[in-house]
Each structure stands twice: as C-alpha cells, then as structure tokens.
PDB file of N, CA and C in Angstrom:
ATOM      1  N   MET A   1     -13.208-142.800 104.040  1.00  0.00           N
ATOM      2  CA  MET A   1     -11.910-143.094 104.590  1.00  0.00           C
ATOM      3  C   MET A   1     -11.025-141.849 104.643  1.00  0.00           C
ATOM      4  N   LEU A   2     -11.118-140.991 103.623  1.00  0.00           N
ATOM      5  CA  LEU A   2     -10.283-139.797 103.626  1.00  0.00           C
ATOM      6  C   LEU A   2     -10.636-138.851 104.762  1.00  0.00           C
ATOM      7  N   ASP A   3     -11.864-138.916 105.237  1.00  0.00           N
ATOM      8  CA  ASP A   3     -12.272-138.044 106.337  1.00  0.00           C
ATOM      9  C   ASP A   3     -11.821-138.553 107.698  1.00  0.00           C
ATOM     10  N   ASP A   4     -11.364-139.796 107.784  1.00  0.00           N
ATOM     11  CA  ASP A   4     -10.907-140.363 109.052  1.00  0.00           C
ATOM     12  C   ASP A   4      -9.452-139.964 109.274  1.00  0.00           C
ATOM     13  N   ARG A   5      -9.254-138.855 109.927  1.00  0.00           N
ATOM     14  CA  ARG A   5      -7.914-138.300 110.118  1.00  0.00           C
ATOM     15  C   ARG A   5      -7.011-139.194 110.959  1.00  0.00           C
ATOM     16  N   SER A   6      -7.583-140.128 111.710  1.00  0.00           N
ATOM     17  CA  SER A   6      -6.760-141.017 112.532  1.00  0.00           C
ATOM     18  C   SER A   6      -5.946-141.992 111.680  1.00  0.00           C
ATOM     19  N   LEU A   7      -6.305-142.145 110.403  1.00  0.00           N
ATOM     20  CA  LEU A   7      -5.598-143.074 109.526  1.00  0.00           C
ATOM     21  C   LEU A   7      -4.337-142.482 108.908  1.00  0.00           C
ATOM     22  N   TYR A   8      -4.120-141.180 109.082  1.00  0.00           N
ATOM     23  CA  TYR A   8      -3.031-140.502 108.393  1.00  0.00           C
ATOM     24  C   TYR A   8      -2.110-139.793 109.373  1.00  0.00           C
ATOM     25  N   HIS A   9      -0.822-139.828 109.063  1.00  0.00           N
ATOM     26  CA  HIS A   9       0.149-139.055 109.833  1.00  0.00           C
ATOM     27  C   HIS A   9       0.413-137.754 109.073  1.00  0.00           C
ATOM     28  N   VAL A  10       0.213-136.646 109.725  1.00  0.00           N
ATOM     29  CA  VAL A  10       0.469-135.342 109.119  1.00  0.00           C
ATOM     30  C   VAL A  10       1.764-134.807 109.708  1.00  0.00           C
ATOM     31  N   SER A  11       2.666-134.352 108.840  1.00  0.00           N
ATOM     32  CA  SER A  11       3.958-133.836 109.293  1.00  0.00           C
ATOM     33  C   SER A  11       3.784-132.716 110.300  1.00  0.00           C
ATOM     34  N   LYS A  12       4.754-132.610 111.190  1.00  0.00           N
ATOM     35  CA  LYS A  12       4.744-131.545 112.194  1.00  0.00           C
ATOM     36  C   LYS A  12       4.620-130.193 111.494  1.00  0.00           C
ATOM     37  N   ASP A  13       3.812-129.336 112.025  1.00  0.00           N
ATOM     38  CA  ASP A  13       3.561-127.979 111.522  1.00  0.00           C
ATOM     39  C   ASP A  13       2.743-127.939 110.228  1.00  0.00           C
ATOM     40  N   ALA A  14       2.286-129.085 109.729  1.00  0.00           N
ATOM     41  CA  ALA A  14       1.451-129.105 108.527  1.00  0.00           C
ATOM     42  C   ALA A  14      -0.019-129.190 108.932  1.00  0.00           C
ATOM     43  N   PHE A  15      -0.893-128.812 108.017  1.00  0.00           N
ATOM     44  CA  PHE A  15      -2.333-128.862 108.222  1.00  0.00           C
ATOM     45  C   PHE A  15      -2.914-129.993 107.380  1.00  0.00           C
ATOM     46  N   PHE A  16      -3.900-130.701 107.913  1.00  0.00           N
ATOM     47  CA  PHE A  16      -4.483-131.855 107.226  1.00  0.00           C
ATOM     48  C   PHE A  16      -5.039-131.480 105.853  1.00  0.00           C
ATOM     49  N   ASP A  17      -5.741-130.370 105.740  1.00  0.00           N
ATOM     50  CA  ASP A  17      -6.418-130.008 104.494  1.00  0.00           C
ATOM     51  C   ASP A  17      -5.532-129.336 103.459  1.00  0.00           C
ATOM     52  N   CYS A  18      -4.475-128.626 103.894  1.00  0.00           N
ATOM     53  CA  CYS A  18      -3.694-127.822 102.946  1.00  0.00           C
ATOM     54  C   CYS A  18      -2.186-127.936 103.130  1.00  0.00           C
ATOM     55  N   GLY A  19      -1.702-128.980 103.748  1.00  0.00           N
ATOM     56  CA  GLY A  19      -0.261-129.144 103.896  1.00  0.00           C
ATOM     57  C   GLY A  19       0.354-128.021 104.708  1.00  0.00           C
ATOM     58  N   PHE A  20       1.394-127.409 104.166  1.00  0.00           N
ATOM     59  CA  PHE A  20       2.070-126.318 104.875  1.00  0.00           C
ATOM     60  C   PHE A  20       1.487-124.951 104.523  1.00  0.00           C
ATOM     61  N   THR A  21       0.373-124.931 103.804  1.00  0.00           N
ATOM     62  CA  THR A  21      -0.347-123.685 103.534  1.00  0.00           C
ATOM     63  C   THR A  21      -1.631-123.711 104.343  1.00  0.00           C
ATOM     64  N   ARG A  22      -2.275-122.574 104.449  1.00  0.00           N
ATOM     65  CA  ARG A  22      -3.473-122.512 105.278  1.00  0.00           C
ATOM     66  C   ARG A  22      -4.477-121.534 104.683  1.00  0.00           C
ATOM     67  N   LEU A  23      -5.740-121.919 104.702  1.00  0.00           N
ATOM     68  CA  LEU A  23      -6.813-121.030 104.273  1.00  0.00           C
ATOM     69  C   LEU A  23      -7.702-120.728 105.458  1.00  0.00           C
ATOM     70  N   PRO A  24      -8.308-119.558 105.588  1.00  0.00           N
ATOM     71  CA  PRO A  24      -8.117-118.480 104.622  1.00  0.00           C
ATOM     72  C   PRO A  24      -6.708-117.918 104.698  1.00  0.00           C
ATOM     73  N   SER A  25      -6.154-117.720 103.553  1.00  0.00           N
ATOM     74  CA  SER A  25      -4.792-117.218 103.458  1.00  0.00           C
ATOM     75  C   SER A  25      -4.751-115.736 103.805  1.00  0.00           C
ATOM     76  N   GLU A  26      -3.715-115.340 104.495  1.00  0.00           N
ATOM     77  CA  GLU A  26      -3.549-113.917 104.805  1.00  0.00           C
ATOM     78  C   GLU A  26      -3.159-113.141 103.560  1.00  0.00           C
ATOM     79  N   THR A  27      -2.490-113.799 102.634  1.00  0.00           N
ATOM     80  CA  THR A  27      -2.027-113.134 101.426  1.00  0.00           C
ATOM     81  C   THR A  27      -2.583-113.856 100.209  1.00  0.00           C
ATOM     82  N   TRP A  28      -3.615-113.294  99.609  1.00  0.00           N
ATOM     83  CA  TRP A  28      -4.167-113.855  98.389  1.00  0.00           C
ATOM     84  C   TRP A  28      -3.321-113.383  97.223  1.00  0.00           C
ATOM     85  N   GLN A  29      -3.309-114.145  96.159  1.00  0.00           N
ATOM     86  CA  GLN A  29      -2.509-113.816  94.992  1.00  0.00           C
ATOM     87  C   GLN A  29      -3.420-113.512  93.815  1.00  0.00           C
ATOM     88  N   ASP A  30      -2.908-112.669  92.917  1.00  0.00           N
ATOM     89  CA  ASP A  30      -3.656-112.361  91.698  1.00  0.00           C
ATOM     90  C   ASP A  30      -3.771-113.611  90.828  1.00  0.00           C
ATOM     91  N   ILE A  31      -4.869-113.729  90.115  1.00  0.00           N
ATOM     92  CA  ILE A  31      -5.032-114.814  89.156  1.00  0.00           C
ATOM     93  C   ILE A  31      -3.995-114.598  88.055  1.00  0.00           C
ATOM     94  N   PRO A  32      -3.146-115.580  87.777  1.00  0.00           N
ATOM     95  CA  PRO A  32      -2.095-115.391  86.777  1.00  0.00           C
ATOM     96  C   PRO A  32      -2.664-115.062  85.399  1.00  0.00           C
ATOM     97  N   ALA A  33      -2.179-113.995  84.821  1.00  0.00           N
ATOM     98  CA  ALA A  33      -2.659-113.560  83.506  1.00  0.00           C
ATOM     99  C   ALA A  33      -2.093-114.424  82.381  1.00  0.00           C
ATOM    100  N   ASN A  34      -0.981-115.129  82.647  1.00  0.00           N
ATOM    101  CA  ASN A  34      -0.336-115.909  81.592  1.00  0.00           C
ATOM    102  C   ASN A  34      -0.824-117.356  81.514  1.00  0.00           C
ATOM    103  N   GLY A  35      -1.811-117.747  82.326  1.00  0.00           N
ATOM    104  CA  GLY A  35      -2.391-119.081  82.252  1.00  0.00           C
ATOM    105  C   GLY A  35      -1.455-120.205  82.648  1.00  0.00           C
ATOM    106  N   THR A  36      -0.559-119.921  83.580  1.00  0.00           N
ATOM    107  CA  THR A  36       0.368-120.960  84.015  1.00  0.00           C
ATOM    108  C   THR A  36       0.344-121.124  85.531  1.00  0.00           C
ATOM    109  N   LEU A  37       0.859-122.250  85.959  1.00  0.00           N
ATOM    110  CA  LEU A  37       1.102-122.545  87.367  1.00  0.00           C
ATOM    111  C   LEU A  37       2.443-123.244  87.411  1.00  0.00           C
ATOM    112  N   GLU A  38       3.303-122.821  88.305  1.00  0.00           N
ATOM    113  CA  GLU A  38       4.606-123.460  88.421  1.00  0.00           C
ATOM    114  C   GLU A  38       4.789-123.989  89.830  1.00  0.00           C
ATOM    115  N   SER A  39       5.065-125.283  89.918  1.00  0.00           N
ATOM    116  CA  SER A  39       5.390-125.891  91.210  1.00  0.00           C
ATOM    117  C   SER A  39       6.908-125.998  91.307  1.00  0.00           C
ATOM    118  N   SER A  40       7.388-126.506  92.409  1.00  0.00           N
ATOM    119  CA  SER A  40       8.836-126.643  92.572  1.00  0.00           C
ATOM    120  C   SER A  40       9.376-127.825  91.781  1.00  0.00           C
ATOM    121  N   GLY A  41       8.516-128.560  91.119  1.00  0.00           N
ATOM    122  CA  GLY A  41       8.933-129.714  90.328  1.00  0.00           C
ATOM    123  C   GLY A  41       8.591-131.008  91.048  1.00  0.00           C
ATOM    124  N   TYR A  42       8.754-132.104  90.343  1.00  0.00           N
ATOM    125  CA  TYR A  42       8.381-133.409  90.872  1.00  0.00           C
ATOM    126  C   TYR A  42       9.608-134.305  90.912  1.00  0.00           C
ATOM    127  N   THR A  43       9.968-134.758  92.080  1.00  0.00           N
ATOM    128  CA  THR A  43      11.144-135.605  92.244  1.00  0.00           C
ATOM    129  C   THR A  43      10.794-137.078  92.372  1.00  0.00           C
ATOM    130  N   LEU A  44       9.528-137.387  92.594  1.00  0.00           N
ATOM    131  CA  LEU A  44       9.071-138.768  92.733  1.00  0.00           C
ATOM    132  C   LEU A  44       7.999-139.059  91.693  1.00  0.00           C
ATOM    133  N   ASP A  45       7.918-140.302  91.255  1.00  0.00           N
ATOM    134  CA  ASP A  45       6.831-140.710  90.373  1.00  0.00           C
ATOM    135  C   ASP A  45       5.513-140.634  91.122  1.00  0.00           C
ATOM    136  N   GLY A  46       4.448-140.377  90.392  1.00  0.00           N
ATOM    137  CA  GLY A  46       3.123-140.374  90.992  1.00  0.00           C
ATOM    138  C   GLY A  46       2.211-139.345  90.359  1.00  0.00           C
ATOM    139  N   PRO A  47       0.910-139.496  90.589  1.00  0.00           N
ATOM    140  CA  PRO A  47      -0.084-138.609  89.992  1.00  0.00           C
ATOM    141  C   PRO A  47      -0.176-137.260  90.699  1.00  0.00           C
ATOM    142  N   CYS A  48      -0.682-136.266  89.968  1.00  0.00           N
ATOM    143  CA  CYS A  48      -0.944-134.951  90.560  1.00  0.00           C
ATOM    144  C   CYS A  48      -2.221-134.388  89.948  1.00  0.00           C
ATOM    145  N   GLU A  49      -2.815-133.441  90.673  1.00  0.00           N
ATOM    146  CA  GLU A  49      -4.011-132.748  90.197  1.00  0.00           C
ATOM    147  C   GLU A  49      -3.976-131.309  90.676  1.00  0.00           C
ATOM    148  N   VAL A  50      -4.587-130.432  89.886  1.00  0.00           N
ATOM    149  CA  VAL A  50      -4.795-129.041  90.273  1.00  0.00           C
ATOM    150  C   VAL A  50      -6.284-128.756  90.119  1.00  0.00           C
ATOM    151  N   TRP A  51      -6.868-128.162  91.157  1.00  0.00           N
ATOM    152  CA  TRP A  51      -8.293-127.832  91.184  1.00  0.00           C
ATOM    153  C   TRP A  51      -8.467-126.346  91.442  1.00  0.00           C
ATOM    154  N   LEU A  52      -9.452-125.740  90.791  1.00  0.00           N
ATOM    155  CA  LEU A  52      -9.918-124.390  91.105  1.00  0.00           C
ATOM    156  C   LEU A  52     -11.309-124.568  91.689  1.00  0.00           C
ATOM    157  N   ASP A  53     -11.439-124.378  92.982  1.00  0.00           N
ATOM    158  CA  ASP A  53     -12.667-124.716  93.706  1.00  0.00           C
ATOM    159  C   ASP A  53     -13.042-126.161  93.378  1.00  0.00           C
ATOM    160  N   ASP A  54     -14.187-126.400  92.735  1.00  0.00           N
ATOM    161  CA  ASP A  54     -14.629-127.769  92.437  1.00  0.00           C
ATOM    162  C   ASP A  54     -14.340-128.211  91.004  1.00  0.00           C
ATOM    163  N   THR A  55     -13.505-127.457  90.288  1.00  0.00           N
ATOM    164  CA  THR A  55     -13.205-127.769  88.894  1.00  0.00           C
ATOM    165  C   THR A  55     -11.766-128.249  88.760  1.00  0.00           C
ATOM    166  N   GLN A  56     -11.597-129.477  88.265  1.00  0.00           N
ATOM    167  CA  GLN A  56     -10.253-129.992  88.022  1.00  0.00           C
ATOM    168  C   GLN A  56      -9.723-129.371  86.735  1.00  0.00           C
ATOM    169  N   VAL A  57      -8.537-128.745  86.796  1.00  0.00           N
ATOM    170  CA  VAL A  57      -7.988-128.060  85.626  1.00  0.00           C
ATOM    171  C   VAL A  57      -6.704-128.698  85.111  1.00  0.00           C
ATOM    172  N   VAL A  58      -6.058-129.542  85.903  1.00  0.00           N
ATOM    173  CA  VAL A  58      -4.842-130.245  85.494  1.00  0.00           C
ATOM    174  C   VAL A  58      -4.852-131.610  86.166  1.00  0.00           C
ATOM    175  N   SER A  59      -4.402-132.623  85.440  1.00  0.00           N
ATOM    176  CA  SER A  59      -4.161-133.923  86.065  1.00  0.00           C
ATOM    177  C   SER A  59      -3.088-134.648  85.275  1.00  0.00           C
ATOM    178  N   GLY A  60      -2.374-135.498  85.959  1.00  0.00           N
ATOM    179  CA  GLY A  60      -1.357-136.308  85.319  1.00  0.00           C
ATOM    180  C   GLY A  60      -1.199-137.622  86.057  1.00  0.00           C
ATOM    181  N   ARG A  61      -0.920-138.683  85.297  1.00  0.00           N
ATOM    182  CA  ARG A  61      -0.740-140.001  85.916  1.00  0.00           C
ATOM    183  C   ARG A  61       0.647-140.143  86.529  1.00  0.00           C
ATOM    184  N   ASN A  62       1.658-139.526  85.901  1.00  0.00           N
ATOM    185  CA  ASN A  62       3.013-139.510  86.457  1.00  0.00           C
ATOM    186  C   ASN A  62       3.581-138.117  86.208  1.00  0.00           C
ATOM    187  N   CYS A  63       3.414-137.247  87.162  1.00  0.00           N
ATOM    188  CA  CYS A  63       3.725-135.831  86.966  1.00  0.00           C
ATOM    189  C   CYS A  63       5.216-135.552  86.855  1.00  0.00           C
ATOM    190  N   ARG A  64       6.059-136.463  87.342  1.00  0.00           N
ATOM    191  CA  ARG A  64       7.506-136.280  87.185  1.00  0.00           C
ATOM    192  C   ARG A  64       7.883-136.318  85.710  1.00  0.00           C
ATOM    193  N   THR A  65       7.246-137.186  84.932  1.00  0.00           N
ATOM    194  CA  THR A  65       7.572-137.270  83.509  1.00  0.00           C
ATOM    195  C   THR A  65       6.700-136.351  82.647  1.00  0.00           C
ATOM    196  N   GLU A  66       5.451-136.124  83.049  1.00  0.00           N
ATOM    197  CA  GLU A  66       4.545-135.294  82.245  1.00  0.00           C
ATOM    198  C   GLU A  66       4.795-133.796  82.415  1.00  0.00           C
ATOM    199  N   PHE A  67       5.275-133.391  83.584  1.00  0.00           N
ATOM    200  CA  PHE A  67       5.558-131.979  83.869  1.00  0.00           C
ATOM    201  C   PHE A  67       6.966-131.888  84.451  1.00  0.00           C
ATOM    202  N   PRO A  68       8.012-132.156  83.631  1.00  0.00           N
ATOM    203  CA  PRO A  68       9.370-132.293  84.167  1.00  0.00           C
ATOM    204  C   PRO A  68       9.917-131.048  84.865  1.00  0.00           C
ATOM    205  N   HIS A  69       9.417-129.899  84.551  1.00  0.00           N
ATOM    206  CA  HIS A  69       9.897-128.674  85.204  1.00  0.00           C
ATOM    207  C   HIS A  69       8.857-128.090  86.145  1.00  0.00           C
ATOM    208  N   GLY A  70       7.797-128.846  86.407  1.00  0.00           N
ATOM    209  CA  GLY A  70       6.754-128.393  87.326  1.00  0.00           C
ATOM    210  C   GLY A  70       5.869-127.298  86.765  1.00  0.00           C
ATOM    211  N   GLN A  71       5.880-127.116  85.438  1.00  0.00           N
ATOM    212  CA  GLN A  71       5.080-126.055  84.826  1.00  0.00           C
ATOM    213  C   GLN A  71       3.805-126.633  84.224  1.00  0.00           C
ATOM    214  N   HIS A  72       2.695-125.980  84.508  1.00  0.00           N
ATOM    215  CA  HIS A  72       1.384-126.420  84.052  1.00  0.00           C
ATOM    216  C   HIS A  72       0.689-125.278  83.324  1.00  0.00           C
ATOM    217  N   GLN A  73      -0.039-125.608  82.264  1.00  0.00           N
ATOM    218  CA  GLN A  73      -0.931-124.660  81.612  1.00  0.00           C
ATOM    219  C   GLN A  73      -2.293-124.793  82.286  1.00  0.00           C
ATOM    220  N   VAL A  74      -2.851-123.684  82.749  1.00  0.00           N
ATOM    221  CA  VAL A  74      -4.110-123.713  83.496  1.00  0.00           C
ATOM    222  C   VAL A  74      -5.088-122.716  82.887  1.00  0.00           C
ATOM    223  N   ASP A  75      -6.315-123.166  82.660  1.00  0.00           N
ATOM    224  CA  ASP A  75      -7.396-122.279  82.244  1.00  0.00           C
ATOM    225  C   ASP A  75      -8.056-121.751  83.519  1.00  0.00           C
ATOM    226  N   TYR A  76      -7.804-120.505  83.850  1.00  0.00           N
ATOM    227  CA  TYR A  76      -8.315-119.905  85.084  1.00  0.00           C
ATOM    228  C   TYR A  76      -9.724-119.323  84.931  1.00  0.00           C
ATOM    229  N   SER A  77     -10.375-119.521  83.785  1.00  0.00           N
ATOM    230  CA  SER A  77     -11.682-118.889  83.564  1.00  0.00           C
ATOM    231  C   SER A  77     -12.741-119.353  84.567  1.00  0.00           C
ATOM    232  N   SER A  78     -12.642-120.578  85.063  1.00  0.00           N
ATOM    233  CA  SER A  78     -13.636-121.058  86.036  1.00  0.00           C
ATOM    234  C   SER A  78     -13.473-120.395  87.398  1.00  0.00           C
ATOM    235  N   CYS A  79     -12.399-119.660  87.576  1.00  0.00           N
ATOM    236  CA  CYS A  79     -12.120-119.003  88.855  1.00  0.00           C
ATOM    237  C   CYS A  79     -13.054-117.816  89.106  1.00  0.00           C
ATOM    238  N   GLY A  80     -13.537-117.189  88.041  1.00  0.00           N
ATOM    239  CA  GLY A  80     -14.367-115.996  88.234  1.00  0.00           C
ATOM    240  C   GLY A  80     -13.557-114.887  88.884  1.00  0.00           C
ATOM    241  N   ASP A  81     -14.144-114.188  89.866  1.00  0.00           N
ATOM    242  CA  ASP A  81     -13.430-113.114  90.560  1.00  0.00           C
ATOM    243  C   ASP A  81     -12.503-113.635  91.644  1.00  0.00           C
ATOM    244  N   SER A  82     -12.794-114.824  92.178  1.00  0.00           N
ATOM    245  CA  SER A  82     -11.920-115.411  93.201  1.00  0.00           C
ATOM    246  C   SER A  82     -12.174-116.911  93.293  1.00  0.00           C
ATOM    247  N   CYS A  83     -11.166-117.635  93.740  1.00  0.00           N
ATOM    248  CA  CYS A  83     -11.295-119.080  93.912  1.00  0.00           C
ATOM    249  C   CYS A  83     -10.147-119.576  94.784  1.00  0.00           C
ATOM    250  N   THR A  84     -10.227-120.834  95.128  1.00  0.00           N
ATOM    251  CA  THR A  84      -9.137-121.481  95.849  1.00  0.00           C
ATOM    252  C   THR A  84      -8.489-122.491  94.920  1.00  0.00           C
ATOM    253  N   LEU A  85      -7.190-122.336  94.705  1.00  0.00           N
ATOM    254  CA  LEU A  85      -6.417-123.295  93.932  1.00  0.00           C
ATOM    255  C   LEU A  85      -5.905-124.350  94.908  1.00  0.00           C
ATOM    256  N   ARG A  86      -6.163-125.602  94.587  1.00  0.00           N
ATOM    257  CA  ARG A  86      -5.658-126.718  95.399  1.00  0.00           C
ATOM    258  C   ARG A  86      -4.793-127.593  94.499  1.00  0.00           C
ATOM    259  N   TRP A  87      -3.570-127.857  94.964  1.00  0.00           N
ATOM    260  CA  TRP A  87      -2.603-128.670  94.233  1.00  0.00           C
ATOM    261  C   TRP A  87      -2.328-129.922  95.045  1.00  0.00           C
ATOM    262  N   TYR A  88      -2.446-131.089  94.409  1.00  0.00           N
ATOM    263  CA  TYR A  88      -2.223-132.370  95.071  1.00  0.00           C
ATOM    264  C   TYR A  88      -1.194-133.180  94.286  1.00  0.00           C
ATOM    265  N   TRP A  89      -0.328-133.877  95.007  1.00  0.00           N
ATOM    266  CA  TRP A  89       0.643-134.772  94.377  1.00  0.00           C
ATOM    267  C   TRP A  89       0.841-135.972  95.283  1.00  0.00           C
ATOM    268  N   LEU A  90       0.694-137.154  94.722  1.00  0.00           N
ATOM    269  CA  LEU A  90       0.953-138.388  95.454  1.00  0.00           C
ATOM    270  C   LEU A  90       2.256-138.967  94.927  1.00  0.00           C
ATOM    271  N   GLY A  91       3.335-138.793  95.670  1.00  0.00           N
ATOM    272  CA  GLY A  91       4.638-139.296  95.265  1.00  0.00           C
ATOM    273  C   GLY A  91       4.882-140.668  95.867  1.00  0.00           C
ATOM    274  N   ILE A  92       5.354-141.596  95.039  1.00  0.00           N
ATOM    275  CA  ILE A  92       5.645-142.934  95.549  1.00  0.00           C
ATOM    276  C   ILE A  92       7.155-143.087  95.705  1.00  0.00           C
ATOM    277  N   GLN A  93       7.539-143.658  96.821  1.00  0.00           N
ATOM    278  CA  GLN A  93       8.953-143.792  97.146  1.00  0.00           C
ATOM    279  C   GLN A  93       9.230-145.235  97.556  1.00  0.00           C
ATOM    280  N   HIS A  94      10.372-145.758  97.130  1.00  0.00           N
ATOM    281  CA  HIS A  94      10.778-147.123  97.467  1.00  0.00           C
ATOM    282  C   HIS A  94      11.960-147.030  98.427  1.00  0.00           C
ATOM    283  N   VAL A  95      11.728-147.401  99.683  1.00  0.00           N
ATOM    284  CA  VAL A  95      12.764-147.320 100.712  1.00  0.00           C
ATOM    285  C   VAL A  95      12.845-148.665 101.424  1.00  0.00           C
ATOM    286  N   ASP A  96      14.044-149.209 101.509  1.00  0.00           N
ATOM    287  CA  ASP A  96      14.272-150.478 102.207  1.00  0.00           C
ATOM    288  C   ASP A  96      13.316-151.575 101.745  1.00  0.00           C
ATOM    289  N   GLY A  97      13.082-151.654 100.434  1.00  0.00           N
ATOM    290  CA  GLY A  97      12.247-152.706  99.880  1.00  0.00           C
ATOM    291  C   GLY A  97      10.755-152.506 100.042  1.00  0.00           C
ATOM    292  N   ILE A  98      10.341-151.345 100.534  1.00  0.00           N
ATOM    293  CA  ILE A  98       8.924-151.074 100.769  1.00  0.00           C
ATOM    294  C   ILE A  98       8.509-149.832  99.982  1.00  0.00           C
ATOM    295  N   TYR A  99       7.359-149.926  99.302  1.00  0.00           N
ATOM    296  CA  TYR A  99       6.807-148.765  98.617  1.00  0.00           C
ATOM    297  C   TYR A  99       5.949-147.964  99.586  1.00  0.00           C
ATOM    298  N   SER A 100       6.084-146.661  99.502  1.00  0.00           N
ATOM    299  CA  SER A 100       5.354-145.780 100.409  1.00  0.00           C
ATOM    300  C   SER A 100       4.869-144.561  99.634  1.00  0.00           C
ATOM    301  N   TRP A 101       3.617-144.154  99.898  1.00  0.00           N
ATOM    302  CA  TRP A 101       3.071-142.937  99.300  1.00  0.00           C
ATOM    303  C   TRP A 101       3.389-141.747 100.189  1.00  0.00           C
ATOM    304  N   GLN A 102       3.755-140.650  99.567  1.00  0.00           N
ATOM    305  CA  GLN A 102       3.884-139.374 100.263  1.00  0.00           C
ATOM    306  C   GLN A 102       2.865-138.435  99.630  1.00  0.00           C
ATOM    307  N   VAL A 103       2.070-137.787 100.461  1.00  0.00           N
ATOM    308  CA  VAL A 103       1.011-136.912  99.971  1.00  0.00           C
ATOM    309  C   VAL A 103       1.436-135.462 100.159  1.00  0.00           C
ATOM    310  N   TYR A 104       1.406-134.703  99.075  1.00  0.00           N
ATOM    311  CA  TYR A 104       1.738-133.284  99.113  1.00  0.00           C
ATOM    312  C   TYR A 104       0.499-132.514  98.682  1.00  0.00           C
ATOM    313  N   GLN A 105       0.211-131.416  99.361  1.00  0.00           N
ATOM    314  CA  GLN A 105      -0.930-130.586  98.977  1.00  0.00           C
ATOM    315  C   GLN A 105      -0.697-129.145  99.426  1.00  0.00           C
ATOM    316  N   ASN A 106      -1.198-128.244  98.630  1.00  0.00           N
ATOM    317  CA  ASN A 106      -1.125-126.819  98.943  1.00  0.00           C
ATOM    318  C   ASN A 106      -2.417-126.152  98.507  1.00  0.00           C
ATOM    319  N   CYS A 107      -2.775-125.079  99.190  1.00  0.00           N
ATOM    320  CA  CYS A 107      -3.969-124.299  98.872  1.00  0.00           C
ATOM    321  C   CYS A 107      -3.569-122.833  98.738  1.00  0.00           C
ATOM    322  N   ILE A 108      -4.066-122.192  97.696  1.00  0.00           N
ATOM    323  CA  ILE A 108      -3.733-120.788  97.448  1.00  0.00           C
ATOM    324  C   ILE A 108      -5.015-120.047  97.099  1.00  0.00           C
ATOM    325  N   GLY A 109      -5.273-118.952  97.774  1.00  0.00           N
ATOM    326  CA  GLY A 109      -6.402-118.100  97.440  1.00  0.00           C
ATOM    327  C   GLY A 109      -6.037-117.218  96.262  1.00  0.00           C
ATOM    328  N   LEU A 110      -6.880-117.204  95.230  1.00  0.00           N
ATOM    329  CA  LEU A 110      -6.647-116.391  94.040  1.00  0.00           C
ATOM    330  C   LEU A 110      -7.804-115.430  93.840  1.00  0.00           C
ATOM    331  N   GLY A 111      -7.491-114.241  93.337  1.00  0.00           N
ATOM    332  CA  GLY A 111      -8.544-113.275  93.058  1.00  0.00           C
ATOM    333  C   GLY A 111      -8.078-112.219  92.076  1.00  0.00           C
ATOM    334  N   ARG A 112      -9.036-111.558  91.459  1.00  0.00           N
ATOM    335  CA  ARG A 112      -8.699-110.430  90.580  1.00  0.00           C
ATOM    336  C   ARG A 112      -8.359-109.251  91.481  1.00  0.00           C
ATOM    337  N   ASN A 113      -7.245-108.604  91.227  1.00  0.00           N
ATOM    338  CA  ASN A 113      -6.753-107.500  92.056  1.00  0.00           C
ATOM    339  C   ASN A 113      -6.650-107.923  93.521  1.00  0.00           C
ATOM    340  N   ALA A 114      -6.129-109.122  93.750  1.00  0.00           N
ATOM    341  CA  ALA A 114      -6.064-109.693  95.100  1.00  0.00           C
ATOM    342  C   ALA A 114      -5.203-108.874  96.043  1.00  0.00           C
ATOM    343  N   THR A 115      -4.242-108.138  95.511  1.00  0.00           N
ATOM    344  CA  THR A 115      -3.387-107.342  96.386  1.00  0.00           C
ATOM    345  C   THR A 115      -4.160-106.213  97.045  1.00  0.00           C
ATOM    346  N   ALA A 116      -5.321-105.874  96.490  1.00  0.00           N
ATOM    347  CA  ALA A 116      -6.116-104.779  97.055  1.00  0.00           C
ATOM    348  C   ALA A 116      -7.124-105.253  98.095  1.00  0.00           C
ATOM    349  N   TRP A 117      -7.286-106.570  98.240  1.00  0.00           N
ATOM    350  CA  TRP A 117      -8.278-107.077  99.188  1.00  0.00           C
ATOM    351  C   TRP A 117      -7.841-108.434  99.702  1.00  0.00           C
ATOM    352  N   SER A 118      -8.454-108.878 100.722  1.00  0.00           N
ATOM    353  CA  SER A 118      -8.271-110.257 101.174  1.00  0.00           C
ATOM    354  C   SER A 118      -9.630-110.807 101.526  1.00  0.00           C
ATOM    355  N   ARG A 119      -9.780-112.079 101.409  1.00  0.00           N
ATOM    356  CA  ARG A 119     -11.057-112.745 101.637  1.00  0.00           C
ATOM    357  C   ARG A 119     -11.317-112.896 103.107  1.00  0.00           C
TER     358      ARG A 119
END
C-alpha cells in the first residue's frame, strides 16, 4: 500500500520519498561527532523514527512528549563512512471533529569529511 502513490497527496514542491529534501543531496553533512540529532521539534502528537540506511536508531510512540525539544541521542556507528539519515514523523491533528494524519519526512546524506566530497 505504501508503494501506491495514488493513495497519498504530497504537498506542492515536496518529494514522495524525502519530503522537502532530496537525495542524492547536493550538500552532504558530516556525521555529528556529538551523537545527537536535532529536529525543529514536535507540535503534534504522534510517533517518529530515525533510520541510518536500514538501521533504526531512534523511535518514539509520542515524540511531542518523549522529545520535547526535538533533540535525539543517536548512535552513528552503523553509518560507517557514509549513510543516509531518514527522519519520519506521523503527526495526528484534530480539525473540525475529524482526526487526520500528517506525514513528515526528511533525508540527509551523512559522511566522514563530507565537506570534502559529495556522493
């Protein structure tokens, strides 16, 4: 079902796989040395996940309460020399008596000394 793109509305200027980000990214970022990831925060209740390639490194059932400032501790060791970080958040919103899911996702290319190269 997730592969059937006709079932989903994607916001204007967004990409189905990575939201408002796009891979391959023109600007890869260095793997954070401090083991953290900071998002802009969570304004809606709902689950979130962070993946490094095929390895899930963060998950929460209600990320608004579990990560109130959008800060996550991440073990980047599975990244090796380079990987793709994927961040997902399913925010639930109640509008006019109806519950609705909003899907947020971003993709970031990470690498050691990423400023010196691009994938």
